[in-house]
């Protein structure tokens, strides 16, 4: 009796392990295939020969001191041998990290808290050219606009159609 029960449990455990192994191998294969397909999707920006460097600035770097740090890093990275272009951004494409806020559209009355929400990130003037992003309409930022913190924005086609339909 006891040996027979032990054999039954042993066989059940082996069967469960084989089933789990098949499940894990199938999942790994599907995951690998998904990653391969993702590599062939056009992300809308250049991904080859691009290096992204994250900078964790301490609490002592705020305002003009933070700006000076980023300007210094921008100049240093841009001067490295082999570097063709550099930019500074609060966001690395495809990684998230954008800010979120409501916007006020001139000529439209909207209740407080009901403003259209947008995701945003501050970027330097060479952001679009470095990543090979083609603007459909309008123009990229200039160095003076980004340094002076002028209120300028580059928006998506979707936002343009939703907020300003029929306007270029």
C-alpha atoms as a PDB file:
ATOM      1  CA  UNK A   1       0.000   0.000   0.000  1.00  0.00           C
ATOM      2  CA  UNK A   2       2.524   2.643   1.094  1.00  0.00           C
ATOM      3  CA  UNK A   3       4.924   1.901  -1.801  1.00  0.00           C
ATOM      4  CA  UNK A   4       2.111   2.081  -4.311  1.00  0.00           C
ATOM      5  CA  UNK A   5       0.933   5.463  -2.927  1.00  0.00           C
ATOM      6  CA  UNK A   6       4.508   6.771  -2.994  1.00  0.00           C
ATOM      7  CA  UNK A   7       4.912   5.620  -6.640  1.00  0.00           C
ATOM      8  CA  UNK A   8       1.671   7.340  -7.617  1.00  0.00           C
ATOM      9  CA  UNK A   9       2.798  10.606  -5.995  1.00  0.00           C
ATOM     10  CA  UNK A  10       6.242  10.291  -7.599  1.00  0.00           C
ATOM     11  CA  UNK A  11       4.723   9.853 -11.057  1.00  0.00           C
ATOM     12  CA  UNK A  12       2.364  12.779 -10.471  1.00  0.00           C
ATOM     13  CA  UNK A  13       5.286  15.001  -9.444  1.00  0.00           C
ATOM     14  CA  UNK A  14       7.302  14.030 -12.543  1.00  0.00           C
ATOM     15  CA  UNK A  15       4.271  14.718 -14.760  1.00  0.00           C
ATOM     16  CA  UNK A  16       3.765  18.128 -13.084  1.00  0.00           C
ATOM     17  CA  UNK A  17       7.432  19.008 -13.553  1.00  0.00           C
ATOM     18  CA  UNK A  18       7.344  18.034 -17.236  1.00  0.00           C
ATOM     19  CA  UNK A  19       4.153  20.080 -17.741  1.00  0.00           C
ATOM     20  CA  UNK A  20       5.761  23.090 -16.021  1.00  0.00           C
ATOM     21  CA  UNK A  21       8.907  22.696 -18.135  1.00  0.00           C
ATOM     22  CA  UNK A  22       6.844  22.635 -21.356  1.00  0.00           C
ATOM     23  CA  UNK A  23       4.958  25.745 -20.198  1.00  0.00           C
ATOM     24  CA  UNK A  24       8.190  27.618 -19.382  1.00  0.00           C
ATOM     25  CA  UNK A  25       9.874  26.667 -22.671  1.00  0.00           C
ATOM     26  CA  UNK A  26       6.800  27.722 -24.653  1.00  0.00           C
ATOM     27  CA  UNK A  27       6.662  31.048 -22.792  1.00  0.00           C
ATOM     28  CA  UNK A  28      10.369  31.661 -23.397  1.00  0.00           C
ATOM     29  CA  UNK A  29       9.939  30.944 -27.112  1.00  0.00           C
ATOM     30  CA  UNK A  30       6.972  33.319 -27.397  1.00  0.00           C
ATOM     31  CA  UNK A  31       8.855  36.012 -25.475  1.00  0.00           C
ATOM     32  CA  UNK A  32      11.884  35.671 -27.766  1.00  0.00           C
ATOM     33  CA  UNK A  33       9.703  35.890 -30.871  1.00  0.00           C
ATOM     34  CA  UNK A  34       7.965  39.001 -29.483  1.00  0.00           C
ATOM     35  CA  UNK A  35      11.329  40.691 -28.827  1.00  0.00           C
ATOM     36  CA  UNK A  36      12.454  39.899 -32.384  1.00  0.00           C
ATOM     37  CA  UNK A  37       9.265  41.424 -33.807  1.00  0.00           C
ATOM     38  CA  UNK A  38       9.647  44.518 -31.620  1.00  0.00           C
ATOM     39  CA  UNK A  39      13.147  45.097 -33.017  1.00  0.00           C
ATOM     40  CA  UNK A  40      11.690  45.327 -36.533  1.00  0.00           C
ATOM     41  CA  UNK A  41       8.995  47.877 -35.586  1.00  0.00           C
ATOM     42  CA  UNK A  42       9.686  51.459 -36.646  1.00  0.00           C
ATOM     43  CA  UNK A  43       9.863  53.362 -33.348  1.00  0.00           C
ATOM     44  CA  UNK A  44       9.769  56.717 -35.111  1.00  0.00           C
ATOM     45  CA  UNK A  45      13.304  57.628 -34.103  1.00  0.00           C
ATOM     46  CA  UNK A  46      16.845  56.495 -34.859  1.00  0.00           C
ATOM     47  CA  UNK A  47      18.040  53.757 -32.517  1.00  0.00           C
ATOM     48  CA  UNK A  48      21.320  52.699 -34.106  1.00  0.00           C
ATOM     49  CA  UNK A  49      24.567  54.321 -32.979  1.00  0.00           C
ATOM     50  CA  UNK A  50      22.772  56.238 -30.233  1.00  0.00           C
ATOM     51  CA  UNK A  51      23.967  56.192 -26.642  1.00  0.00           C
ATOM     52  CA  UNK A  52      21.645  57.300 -23.845  1.00  0.00           C
ATOM     53  CA  UNK A  53      23.230  58.405 -20.580  1.00  0.00           C
ATOM     54  CA  UNK A  54      21.141  58.941 -17.471  1.00  0.00           C
ATOM     55  CA  UNK A  55      22.241  61.521 -14.912  1.00  0.00           C
ATOM     56  CA  UNK A  56      21.016  61.318 -11.338  1.00  0.00           C
ATOM     57  CA  UNK A  57      21.503  64.795  -9.955  1.00  0.00           C
ATOM     58  CA  UNK A  58      21.415  65.339  -6.235  1.00  0.00           C
ATOM     59  CA  UNK A  59      19.115  67.715  -4.355  1.00  0.00           C
ATOM     60  CA  UNK A  60      21.830  70.406  -4.429  1.00  0.00           C
ATOM     61  CA  UNK A  61      21.371  70.727  -8.209  1.00  0.00           C
ATOM     62  CA  UNK A  62      18.240  72.767  -8.820  1.00  0.00           C
ATOM     63  CA  UNK A  63      17.436  75.829 -10.913  1.00  0.00           C
ATOM     64  CA  UNK A  64      20.439  77.555 -12.451  1.00  0.00           C
ATOM     65  CA  UNK A  65      22.903  75.102 -10.898  1.00  0.00           C
ATOM     66  CA  UNK A  66      21.113  72.167 -12.554  1.00  0.00           C
ATOM     67  CA  UNK A  67      21.016  74.073 -15.843  1.00  0.00           C
ATOM     68  CA  UNK A  68      24.778  74.718 -15.608  1.00  0.00           C
ATOM     69  CA  UNK A  69      25.384  71.004 -14.957  1.00  0.00           C
ATOM     70  CA  UNK A  70      23.369  69.978 -18.012  1.00  0.00           C
ATOM     71  CA  UNK A  71      25.018  72.643 -20.199  1.00  0.00           C
ATOM     72  CA  UNK A  72      28.454  71.384 -19.105  1.00  0.00           C
ATOM     73  CA  UNK A  73      27.575  67.735 -19.794  1.00  0.00           C
ATOM     74  CA  UNK A  74      26.038  68.682 -23.144  1.00  0.00           C
ATOM     75  CA  UNK A  75      29.257  70.467 -24.167  1.00  0.00           C
ATOM     76  CA  UNK A  76      31.506  67.646 -22.908  1.00  0.00           C
ATOM     77  CA  UNK A  77      29.585  64.835 -24.606  1.00  0.00           C
ATOM     78  CA  UNK A  78      29.317  66.850 -27.823  1.00  0.00           C
ATOM     79  CA  UNK A  79      33.115  67.338 -27.845  1.00  0.00           C
ATOM     80  CA  UNK A  80      33.985  63.634 -27.475  1.00  0.00           C
ATOM     81  CA  UNK A  81      35.768  62.073 -30.462  1.00  0.00           C
ATOM     82  CA  UNK A  82      33.298  60.371 -32.801  1.00  0.00           C
ATOM     83  CA  UNK A  83      30.238  62.108 -31.375  1.00  0.00           C
ATOM     84  CA  UNK A  84      28.287  63.683 -34.230  1.00  0.00           C
ATOM     85  CA  UNK A  85      25.425  65.138 -32.212  1.00  0.00           C
ATOM     86  CA  UNK A  86      24.193  65.333 -28.635  1.00  0.00           C
ATOM     87  CA  UNK A  87      21.083  66.508 -26.814  1.00  0.00           C
ATOM     88  CA  UNK A  88      19.742  66.938 -23.317  1.00  0.00           C
ATOM     89  CA  UNK A  89      16.306  65.658 -22.381  1.00  0.00           C
ATOM     90  CA  UNK A  90      14.242  64.839 -19.359  1.00  0.00           C
ATOM     91  CA  UNK A  91      13.118  61.725 -21.218  1.00  0.00           C
ATOM     92  CA  UNK A  92      14.765  58.866 -23.063  1.00  0.00           C
ATOM     93  CA  UNK A  93      12.402  57.672 -25.822  1.00  0.00           C
ATOM     94  CA  UNK A  94      10.677  54.327 -25.141  1.00  0.00           C
ATOM     95  CA  UNK A  95      11.467  54.434 -21.431  1.00  0.00           C
ATOM     96  CA  UNK A  96       8.744  56.692 -20.073  1.00  0.00           C
ATOM     97  CA  UNK A  97       9.426  59.389 -17.558  1.00  0.00           C
ATOM     98  CA  UNK A  98       7.500  62.209 -19.199  1.00  0.00           C
ATOM     99  CA  UNK A  99       5.656  64.759 -17.110  1.00  0.00           C
ATOM    100  CA  UNK A 100       1.878  65.055 -17.242  1.00  0.00           C
ATOM    101  CA  UNK A 101      -0.160  68.238 -16.976  1.00  0.00           C
ATOM    102  CA  UNK A 102      -3.269  69.970 -18.224  1.00  0.00           C
ATOM    103  CA  UNK A 103      -3.054  72.647 -20.902  1.00  0.00           C
ATOM    104  CA  UNK A 104      -5.065  75.777 -21.513  1.00  0.00           C
ATOM    105  CA  UNK A 105      -6.003  76.387 -25.138  1.00  0.00           C
ATOM    106  CA  UNK A 106      -6.459  80.039 -26.156  1.00  0.00           C
ATOM    107  CA  UNK A 107     -10.069  80.855 -26.897  1.00  0.00           C
ATOM    108  CA  UNK A 108     -11.537  77.810 -25.162  1.00  0.00           C
ATOM    109  CA  UNK A 109     -13.325  77.959 -21.842  1.00  0.00           C
ATOM    110  CA  UNK A 110     -12.725  74.801 -19.859  1.00  0.00           C
ATOM    111  CA  UNK A 111     -13.610  74.058 -16.234  1.00  0.00           C
ATOM    112  CA  UNK A 112     -10.658  73.841 -13.875  1.00  0.00           C
ATOM    113  CA  UNK A 113      -9.532  70.202 -13.739  1.00  0.00           C
ATOM    114  CA  UNK A 114     -11.116  69.433 -17.136  1.00  0.00           C
ATOM    115  CA  UNK A 115      -8.184  70.723 -19.207  1.00  0.00           C
ATOM    116  CA  UNK A 116      -6.825  68.380 -21.893  1.00  0.00           C
ATOM    117  CA  UNK A 117      -3.965  66.346 -20.379  1.00  0.00           C
ATOM    118  CA  UNK A 118      -0.620  66.070 -22.154  1.00  0.00           C
ATOM    119  CA  UNK A 119       2.630  64.222 -21.564  1.00  0.00           C
ATOM    120  CA  UNK A 120       5.688  66.443 -21.916  1.00  0.00           C
ATOM    121  CA  UNK A 121       9.472  66.440 -21.629  1.00  0.00           C
ATOM    122  CA  UNK A 122      11.989  69.241 -21.832  1.00  0.00           C
ATOM    123  CA  UNK A 123      14.532  68.753 -24.616  1.00  0.00           C
ATOM    124  CA  UNK A 124      17.434  70.699 -26.095  1.00  0.00           C
ATOM    125  CA  UNK A 125      17.627  71.995 -29.634  1.00  0.00           C
ATOM    126  CA  UNK A 126      19.352  68.943 -31.167  1.00  0.00           C
ATOM    127  CA  UNK A 127      16.877  66.359 -29.829  1.00  0.00           C
ATOM    128  CA  UNK A 128      15.013  65.820 -33.109  1.00  0.00           C
ATOM    129  CA  UNK A 129      18.012  65.911 -35.451  1.00  0.00           C
ATOM    130  CA  UNK A 130      20.089  63.579 -33.252  1.00  0.00           C
ATOM    131  CA  UNK A 131      17.333  60.963 -33.186  1.00  0.00           C
ATOM    132  CA  UNK A 132      16.456  61.481 -36.858  1.00  0.00           C
ATOM    133  CA  UNK A 133      12.888  62.533 -36.068  1.00  0.00           C
ATOM    134  CA  UNK A 134      11.270  64.246 -39.038  1.00  0.00           C
ATOM    135  CA  UNK A 135       8.849  67.024 -38.211  1.00  0.00           C
ATOM    136  CA  UNK A 136       5.698  66.834 -40.306  1.00  0.00           C
ATOM    137  CA  UNK A 137       4.955  70.529 -39.933  1.00  0.00           C
ATOM    138  CA  UNK A 138       6.452  73.507 -38.162  1.00  0.00           C
ATOM    139  CA  UNK A 139      10.071  73.730 -37.056  1.00  0.00           C
ATOM    140  CA  UNK A 140      12.348  72.406 -34.306  1.00  0.00           C
ATOM    141  CA  UNK A 141      13.442  74.464 -31.300  1.00  0.00           C
ATOM    142  CA  UNK A 142      16.265  76.959 -31.546  1.00  0.00           C
ATOM    143  CA  UNK A 143      19.038  77.229 -28.963  1.00  0.00           C
ATOM    144  CA  UNK A 144      17.756  80.632 -27.823  1.00  0.00           C
ATOM    145  CA  UNK A 145      14.265  79.270 -27.192  1.00  0.00           C
ATOM    146  CA  UNK A 146      15.474  76.403 -25.068  1.00  0.00           C
ATOM    147  CA  UNK A 147      17.977  78.518 -23.126  1.00  0.00           C
ATOM    148  CA  UNK A 148      15.470  81.296 -22.484  1.00  0.00           C
ATOM    149  CA  UNK A 149      12.744  78.817 -21.540  1.00  0.00           C
ATOM    150  CA  UNK A 150      10.402  80.326 -24.117  1.00  0.00           C
ATOM    151  CA  UNK A 151       7.007  78.726 -24.186  1.00  0.00           C
ATOM    152  CA  UNK A 152       7.320  76.700 -27.370  1.00  0.00           C
ATOM    153  CA  UNK A 153       6.285  73.121 -28.050  1.00  0.00           C
ATOM    154  CA  UNK A 154       6.489  70.435 -30.673  1.00  0.00           C
ATOM    155  CA  UNK A 155       3.309  68.365 -30.593  1.00  0.00           C
ATOM    156  CA  UNK A 156       2.140  65.107 -32.119  1.00  0.00           C
ATOM    157  CA  UNK A 157      -0.189  64.907 -35.117  1.00  0.00           C
ATOM    158  CA  UNK A 158      -2.805  63.328 -32.865  1.00  0.00           C
ATOM    159  CA  UNK A 159      -2.745  66.282 -30.475  1.00  0.00           C
ATOM    160  CA  UNK A 160      -2.877  68.757 -33.369  1.00  0.00           C
ATOM    161  CA  UNK A 161      -5.950  67.033 -34.825  1.00  0.00           C
ATOM    162  CA  UNK A 162      -7.718  66.818 -31.444  1.00  0.00           C
ATOM    163  CA  UNK A 163      -7.008  70.322 -30.130  1.00  0.00           C
ATOM    164  CA  UNK A 164      -6.801  72.296 -33.393  1.00  0.00           C
ATOM    165  CA  UNK A 165      -8.754  70.337 -36.046  1.00  0.00           C
ATOM    166  CA  UNK A 166      -8.219  71.643 -39.580  1.00  0.00           C
ATOM    167  CA  UNK A 167      -5.462  74.090 -38.550  1.00  0.00           C
ATOM    168  CA  UNK A 168      -1.811  73.817 -39.580  1.00  0.00           C
END
